[in-house]
Amino acid sequence: MDLKLARVELSQKPGTISVKKMLDQIKNDEQEIFYFDKSNSHKDIMAALQKFEDEGYNVYFREIRYGLSEEEYMYQAHVL
């Protein structure tokens, strides 16, 4: 499963990352913070977070608002 990473600039297209690649990063660093684009479905993000928990990691997940508009948000997942 691939998820879209948060955009660095609003005009850019979001990059993608696979759950397997995220797990590899976590195994190397023991913890990682991922920022996901708002265009991801909530169901896909929850499935990925469940995969991390199944692997024995703790996951802290939240929605981050970076502006006043309802459309200006991203998701953050801190995996330990």
C-alpha atoms as a PDB file:
ATOM      1  CA  MET A   1       0.000   0.000   0.000  1.00  0.00           C
ATOM      2  CA  ASP A   2       1.264   3.476  -0.886  1.00  0.00           C
ATOM      3  CA  LEU A   3       0.442   6.686   0.944  1.00  0.00           C
ATOM      4  CA  LYS A   4       0.949  10.251  -0.226  1.00  0.00           C
ATOM      5  CA  LEU A   5       3.407  12.325   1.762  1.00  0.00           C
ATOM      6  CA  ALA A   6       2.658  15.931   2.673  1.00  0.00           C
ATOM      7  CA  ARG A   7       3.531  18.548   0.094  1.00  0.00           C
ATOM      8  CA  VAL A   8       6.454  20.868   0.717  1.00  0.00           C
ATOM      9  CA  GLU A   9       4.887  23.561  -1.491  1.00  0.00           C
ATOM     10  CA  LEU A  10       1.163  23.869  -2.126  1.00  0.00           C
ATOM     11  CA  SER A  11       1.722  23.887  -5.896  1.00  0.00           C
ATOM     12  CA  GLN A  12       3.646  20.572  -5.853  1.00  0.00           C
ATOM     13  CA  LYS A  13       2.197  17.124  -6.255  1.00  0.00           C
ATOM     14  CA  PRO A  14       2.537  14.925  -3.152  1.00  0.00           C
ATOM     15  CA  GLY A  15       5.192  12.207  -3.221  1.00  0.00           C
ATOM     16  CA  THR A  16       4.342   8.617  -2.322  1.00  0.00           C
ATOM     17  CA  ILE A  17       5.860   6.106   0.067  1.00  0.00           C
ATOM     18  CA  SER A  18       5.063   2.446   0.669  1.00  0.00           C
ATOM     19  CA  VAL A  19       4.309   0.988   4.073  1.00  0.00           C
ATOM     20  CA  LYS A  20       7.248  -1.407   3.619  1.00  0.00           C
ATOM     21  CA  LYS A  21       9.636   1.516   3.075  1.00  0.00           C
ATOM     22  CA  MET A  22       8.253   3.278   6.166  1.00  0.00           C
ATOM     23  CA  LEU A  23       8.809   0.125   8.230  1.00  0.00           C
ATOM     24  CA  ASP A  24      12.410  -0.052   6.969  1.00  0.00           C
ATOM     25  CA  GLN A  25      12.995   3.568   8.037  1.00  0.00           C
ATOM     26  CA  ILE A  26      11.559   2.887  11.473  1.00  0.00           C
ATOM     27  CA  LYS A  27      13.727  -0.195  11.960  1.00  0.00           C
ATOM     28  CA  ASN A  28      16.836   1.861  11.154  1.00  0.00           C
ATOM     29  CA  ASP A  29      16.003   4.874  13.342  1.00  0.00           C
ATOM     30  CA  GLU A  30      13.766   3.224  16.004  1.00  0.00           C
ATOM     31  CA  GLN A  31      11.338   6.133  15.642  1.00  0.00           C
ATOM     32  CA  GLU A  32      10.073   8.287  12.822  1.00  0.00           C
ATOM     33  CA  ILE A  33       7.605  11.095  12.199  1.00  0.00           C
ATOM     34  CA  PHE A  34       5.650  10.939   8.946  1.00  0.00           C
ATOM     35  CA  TYR A  35       3.525  13.725   7.479  1.00  0.00           C
ATOM     36  CA  PHE A  36       0.777  12.630   5.098  1.00  0.00           C
ATOM     37  CA  ASP A  37      -1.159  14.635   2.551  1.00  0.00           C
ATOM     38  CA  LYS A  38      -4.844  15.392   3.082  1.00  0.00           C
ATOM     39  CA  SER A  39      -5.692  13.594  -0.172  1.00  0.00           C
ATOM     40  CA  ASN A  40      -5.088  10.196   1.492  1.00  0.00           C
ATOM     41  CA  SER A  41      -8.184   8.373   2.577  1.00  0.00           C
ATOM     42  CA  HIS A  42      -8.593   8.098   6.328  1.00  0.00           C
ATOM     43  CA  LYS A  43      -9.177   4.362   5.889  1.00  0.00           C
ATOM     44  CA  ASP A  44      -5.788   3.861   4.163  1.00  0.00           C
ATOM     45  CA  ILE A  45      -3.937   5.809   6.835  1.00  0.00           C
ATOM     46  CA  MET A  46      -5.622   3.830   9.611  1.00  0.00           C
ATOM     47  CA  ALA A  47      -4.705   0.565   7.846  1.00  0.00           C
ATOM     48  CA  ALA A  48      -1.049   1.638   7.659  1.00  0.00           C
ATOM     49  CA  LEU A  49      -1.026   2.673  11.321  1.00  0.00           C
ATOM     50  CA  GLN A  50      -2.560  -0.666  12.281  1.00  0.00           C
ATOM     51  CA  LYS A  51       0.265  -2.389  10.378  1.00  0.00           C
ATOM     52  CA  PHE A  52       2.809  -0.475  12.504  1.00  0.00           C
ATOM     53  CA  GLU A  53       1.008  -1.487  15.699  1.00  0.00           C
ATOM     54  CA  ASP A  54       0.910  -5.116  14.532  1.00  0.00           C
ATOM     55  CA  GLU A  55       4.699  -4.920  14.153  1.00  0.00           C
ATOM     56  CA  GLY A  56       4.967  -3.876  17.827  1.00  0.00           C
ATOM     57  CA  TYR A  57       5.354  -0.089  17.463  1.00  0.00           C
ATOM     58  CA  ASN A  58       3.445   2.621  19.312  1.00  0.00           C
ATOM     59  CA  VAL A  59       1.753   5.138  17.030  1.00  0.00           C
ATOM     60  CA  TYR A  60       0.585   8.658  17.843  1.00  0.00           C
ATOM     61  CA  PHE A  61      -1.632  10.129  15.138  1.00  0.00           C
ATOM     62  CA  ARG A  62      -3.154  13.571  14.731  1.00  0.00           C
ATOM     63  CA  GLU A  63      -4.460  16.074  12.236  1.00  0.00           C
ATOM     64  CA  ILE A  64      -2.420  19.261  11.898  1.00  0.00           C
ATOM     65  CA  ARG A  65      -4.042  22.504  10.793  1.00  0.00           C
ATOM     66  CA  TYR A  66      -1.608  24.974   9.247  1.00  0.00           C
ATOM     67  CA  GLY A  67      -4.081  27.656   8.181  1.00  0.00           C
ATOM     68  CA  LEU A  68      -7.518  29.052   8.855  1.00  0.00           C
ATOM     69  CA  SER A  69      -9.252  27.325   5.966  1.00  0.00           C
ATOM     70  CA  GLU A  70     -10.982  23.955   6.377  1.00  0.00           C
ATOM     71  CA  GLU A  71      -8.827  22.694   3.481  1.00  0.00           C
ATOM     72  CA  GLU A  72      -5.481  23.491   5.112  1.00  0.00           C
ATOM     73  CA  TYR A  73      -4.499  20.410   7.056  1.00  0.00           C
ATOM     74  CA  MET A  74      -2.244  17.347   6.952  1.00  0.00           C
ATOM     75  CA  TYR A  75      -1.832  14.220   9.022  1.00  0.00           C
ATOM     76  CA  GLN A  76       1.065  13.442  11.358  1.00  0.00           C
ATOM     77  CA  ALA A  77       2.046   9.981  12.571  1.00  0.00           C
ATOM     78  CA  HIS A  78       4.791   9.571  15.161  1.00  0.00           C
ATOM     79  CA  VAL A  79       5.898   5.939  15.265  1.00  0.00           C
ATOM     80  CA  LEU A  80       8.020   4.703  18.177  1.00  0.00           C
END
